[in-house]
Amino acid sequence: MKKSVSIIGGGPAAMAVAAFLDQEKFAVTIFEKKKRSGESF
């Protein structure tokens, strides 16, 4: 059974954490209020 992980904010650090987590073990959801994510401003 996968564990759920929620990441608040879609900046570069959030993307790095999401990419680092094992997809077999974790179901990752990223919440971002802006239309674009992955930017640092």
PDB file of N, CA and C in Angstrom:
ATOM      1  N   MET A   1       0.834  -1.183   0.000  1.00  0.00           N
ATOM      2  CA  MET A   1       0.000   0.000   0.000  1.00  0.00           C
ATOM      3  C   MET A   1       0.879   1.247   0.000  1.00  0.00           C
ATOM      4  N   LYS A   2       0.571   2.195  -0.889  1.00  0.00           N
ATOM      5  CA  LYS A   2       1.344   3.432  -0.980  1.00  0.00           C
ATOM      6  C   LYS A   2       0.934   4.401   0.121  1.00  0.00           C
ATOM      7  N   LYS A   3       1.890   5.149   0.592  1.00  0.00           N
ATOM      8  CA  LYS A   3       1.612   6.231   1.533  1.00  0.00           C
ATOM      9  C   LYS A   3       1.400   7.497   0.734  1.00  0.00           C
ATOM     10  N   SER A   4       0.505   8.358   1.185  1.00  0.00           N
ATOM     11  CA  SER A   4       0.220   9.625   0.518  1.00  0.00           C
ATOM     12  C   SER A   4       1.115  10.719   1.069  1.00  0.00           C
ATOM     13  N   VAL A   5       1.677  11.509   0.164  1.00  0.00           N
ATOM     14  CA  VAL A   5       2.514  12.647   0.540  1.00  0.00           C
ATOM     15  C   VAL A   5       1.956  13.878  -0.150  1.00  0.00           C
ATOM     16  N   SER A   6       1.693  14.930   0.618  1.00  0.00           N
ATOM     17  CA  SER A   6       1.241  16.200   0.062  1.00  0.00           C
ATOM     18  C   SER A   6       2.355  17.217   0.209  1.00  0.00           C
ATOM     19  N   ILE A   7       2.663  17.906  -0.885  1.00  0.00           N
ATOM     20  CA  ILE A   7       3.693  18.936  -0.883  1.00  0.00           C
ATOM     21  C   ILE A   7       2.995  20.256  -1.157  1.00  0.00           C
ATOM     22  N   ILE A   8       3.181  21.213  -0.250  1.00  0.00           N
ATOM     23  CA  ILE A   8       2.563  22.525  -0.381  1.00  0.00           C
ATOM     24  C   ILE A   8       3.572  23.456  -1.035  1.00  0.00           C
ATOM     25  N   GLY A   9       3.216  23.984  -2.196  1.00  0.00           N
ATOM     26  CA  GLY A   9       4.101  24.856  -2.956  1.00  0.00           C
ATOM     27  C   GLY A   9       4.768  24.072  -4.070  1.00  0.00           C
ATOM     28  N   GLY A  10       4.908  24.707  -5.225  1.00  0.00           N
ATOM     29  CA  GLY A  10       5.443  24.015  -6.386  1.00  0.00           C
ATOM     30  C   GLY A  10       6.748  24.582  -6.890  1.00  0.00           C
ATOM     31  N   GLY A  11       7.601  25.019  -5.987  1.00  0.00           N
ATOM     32  CA  GLY A  11       8.896  25.568  -6.378  1.00  0.00           C
ATOM     33  C   GLY A  11       9.901  24.480  -6.708  1.00  0.00           C
ATOM     34  N   PRO A  12      11.124  24.886  -7.007  1.00  0.00           N
ATOM     35  CA  PRO A  12      12.166  23.917  -7.371  1.00  0.00           C
ATOM     36  C   PRO A  12      12.441  22.867  -6.294  1.00  0.00           C
ATOM     37  N   ALA A  13      12.410  23.263  -5.034  1.00  0.00           N
ATOM     38  CA  ALA A  13      12.657  22.304  -3.957  1.00  0.00           C
ATOM     39  C   ALA A  13      11.538  21.269  -3.884  1.00  0.00           C
ATOM     40  N   ALA A  14      10.310  21.694  -4.086  1.00  0.00           N
ATOM     41  CA  ALA A  14       9.182  20.764  -4.078  1.00  0.00           C
ATOM     42  C   ALA A  14       9.296  19.767  -5.221  1.00  0.00           C
ATOM     43  N   MET A  15       9.702  20.245  -6.379  1.00  0.00           N
ATOM     44  CA  MET A  15       9.869  19.354  -7.532  1.00  0.00           C
ATOM     45  C   MET A  15      10.991  18.346  -7.274  1.00  0.00           C
ATOM     46  N   ALA A  16      12.052  18.784  -6.616  1.00  0.00           N
ATOM     47  CA  ALA A  16      13.164  17.890  -6.307  1.00  0.00           C
ATOM     48  C   ALA A  16      12.732  16.806  -5.328  1.00  0.00           C
ATOM     49  N   VAL A  17      11.966  17.181  -4.314  1.00  0.00           N
ATOM     50  CA  VAL A  17      11.489  16.197  -3.342  1.00  0.00           C
ATOM     51  C   VAL A  17      10.555  15.199  -4.018  1.00  0.00           C
ATOM     52  N   ALA A  18       9.660  15.685  -4.858  1.00  0.00           N
ATOM     53  CA  ALA A  18       8.724  14.802  -5.556  1.00  0.00           C
ATOM     54  C   ALA A  18       9.465  13.826  -6.466  1.00  0.00           C
ATOM     55  N   ALA A  19      10.498  14.293  -7.122  1.00  0.00           N
ATOM     56  CA  ALA A  19      11.282  13.420  -8.004  1.00  0.00           C
ATOM     57  C   ALA A  19      12.112  12.421  -7.201  1.00  0.00           C
ATOM     58  N   PHE A  20      12.534  12.790  -6.013  1.00  0.00           N
ATOM     59  CA  PHE A  20      13.371  11.940  -5.177  1.00  0.00           C
ATOM     60  C   PHE A  20      12.594  10.774  -4.566  1.00  0.00           C
ATOM     61  N   LEU A  21      11.305  10.987  -4.263  1.00  0.00           N
ATOM     62  CA  LEU A  21      10.505   9.957  -3.600  1.00  0.00           C
ATOM     63  C   LEU A  21      10.233   8.783  -4.538  1.00  0.00           C
ATOM     64  N   ASP A  22      10.272   7.594  -3.992  1.00  0.00           N
ATOM     65  CA  ASP A  22      10.047   6.368  -4.754  1.00  0.00           C
ATOM     66  C   ASP A  22       8.567   6.260  -5.135  1.00  0.00           C
ATOM     67  N   GLN A  23       8.280   6.198  -6.424  1.00  0.00           N
ATOM     68  CA  GLN A  23       6.900   6.142  -6.903  1.00  0.00           C
ATOM     69  C   GLN A  23       6.211   4.835  -6.547  1.00  0.00           C
ATOM     70  N   GLU A  24       6.965   3.807  -6.242  1.00  0.00           N
ATOM     71  CA  GLU A  24       6.381   2.533  -5.830  1.00  0.00           C
ATOM     72  C   GLU A  24       5.863   2.592  -4.391  1.00  0.00           C
ATOM     73  N   LYS A  25       6.435   3.501  -3.591  1.00  0.00           N
ATOM     74  CA  LYS A  25       6.083   3.574  -2.173  1.00  0.00           C
ATOM     75  C   LYS A  25       5.206   4.768  -1.811  1.00  0.00           C
ATOM     76  N   PHE A  26       5.242   5.844  -2.637  1.00  0.00           N
ATOM     77  CA  PHE A  26       4.547   7.074  -2.279  1.00  0.00           C
ATOM     78  C   PHE A  26       3.678   7.589  -3.419  1.00  0.00           C
ATOM     79  N   ALA A  27       2.488   8.059  -3.063  1.00  0.00           N
ATOM     80  CA  ALA A  27       1.614   8.767  -3.996  1.00  0.00           C
ATOM     81  C   ALA A  27       1.759  10.249  -3.663  1.00  0.00           C
ATOM     82  N   VAL A  28       2.374  11.016  -4.553  1.00  0.00           N
ATOM     83  CA  VAL A  28       2.721  12.410  -4.282  1.00  0.00           C
ATOM     84  C   VAL A  28       1.719  13.348  -4.955  1.00  0.00           C
ATOM     85  N   THR A  29       1.243  14.334  -4.183  1.00  0.00           N
ATOM     86  CA  THR A  29       0.391  15.394  -4.706  1.00  0.00           C
ATOM     87  C   THR A  29       1.045  16.724  -4.367  1.00  0.00           C
ATOM     88  N   ILE A  30       1.209  17.581  -5.385  1.00  0.00           N
ATOM     89  CA  ILE A  30       1.785  18.906  -5.182  1.00  0.00           C
ATOM     90  C   ILE A  30       0.667  19.931  -5.304  1.00  0.00           C
ATOM     91  N   PHE A  31       0.543  20.799  -4.312  1.00  0.00           N
ATOM     92  CA  PHE A  31      -0.445  21.863  -4.320  1.00  0.00           C
ATOM     93  C   PHE A  31       0.255  23.198  -4.569  1.00  0.00           C
ATOM     94  N   GLU A  32      -0.164  23.905  -5.605  1.00  0.00           N
ATOM     95  CA  GLU A  32       0.425  25.195  -5.965  1.00  0.00           C
ATOM     96  C   GLU A  32      -0.704  26.145  -6.345  1.00  0.00           C
ATOM     97  N   LYS A  33      -0.671  27.368  -5.798  1.00  0.00           N
ATOM     98  CA  LYS A  33      -1.755  28.313  -6.081  1.00  0.00           C
ATOM     99  C   LYS A  33      -1.552  29.069  -7.395  1.00  0.00           C
ATOM    100  N   LYS A  34      -0.301  29.160  -7.852  1.00  0.00           N
ATOM    101  CA  LYS A  34      -0.042  29.848  -9.109  1.00  0.00           C
ATOM    102  C   LYS A  34      -0.330  28.931 -10.295  1.00  0.00           C
ATOM    103  N   LYS A  35      -0.463  29.497 -11.476  1.00  0.00           N
ATOM    104  CA  LYS A  35      -0.743  28.712 -12.676  1.00  0.00           C
ATOM    105  C   LYS A  35       0.463  27.906 -13.124  1.00  0.00           C
ATOM    106  N   ARG A  36       1.672  28.388 -12.828  1.00  0.00           N
ATOM    107  CA  ARG A  36       2.899  27.702 -13.232  1.00  0.00           C
ATOM    108  C   ARG A  36       3.661  27.255 -12.001  1.00  0.00           C
ATOM    109  N   SER A  37       4.288  26.110 -12.098  1.00  0.00           N
ATOM    110  CA  SER A  37       5.081  25.621 -10.979  1.00  0.00           C
ATOM    111  C   SER A  37       6.521  25.392 -11.439  1.00  0.00           C
ATOM    112  N   GLY A  38       7.414  25.225 -10.469  1.00  0.00           N
ATOM    113  CA  GLY A  38       8.806  24.980 -10.780  1.00  0.00           C
ATOM    114  C   GLY A  38       9.657  26.226 -10.868  1.00  0.00           C
ATOM    115  N   GLU A  39       9.074  27.374 -10.644  1.00  0.00           N
ATOM    116  CA  GLU A  39       9.829  28.624 -10.687  1.00  0.00           C
ATOM    117  C   GLU A  39      10.143  29.085  -9.270  1.00  0.00           C
ATOM    118  N   SER A  40      11.178  29.859  -9.122  1.00  0.00           N
ATOM    119  CA  SER A  40      11.612  30.259  -7.789  1.00  0.00           C
ATOM    120  C   SER A  40      11.244  31.705  -7.434  1.00  0.00           C
ATOM    121  N   PHE A  41      10.130  32.207  -7.955  1.00  0.00           N
ATOM    122  CA  PHE A  41       9.702  33.546  -7.537  1.00  0.00           C
ATOM    123  C   PHE A  41       8.235  33.619  -7.309  1.00  0.00           C
TER     124      PHE A  41
END
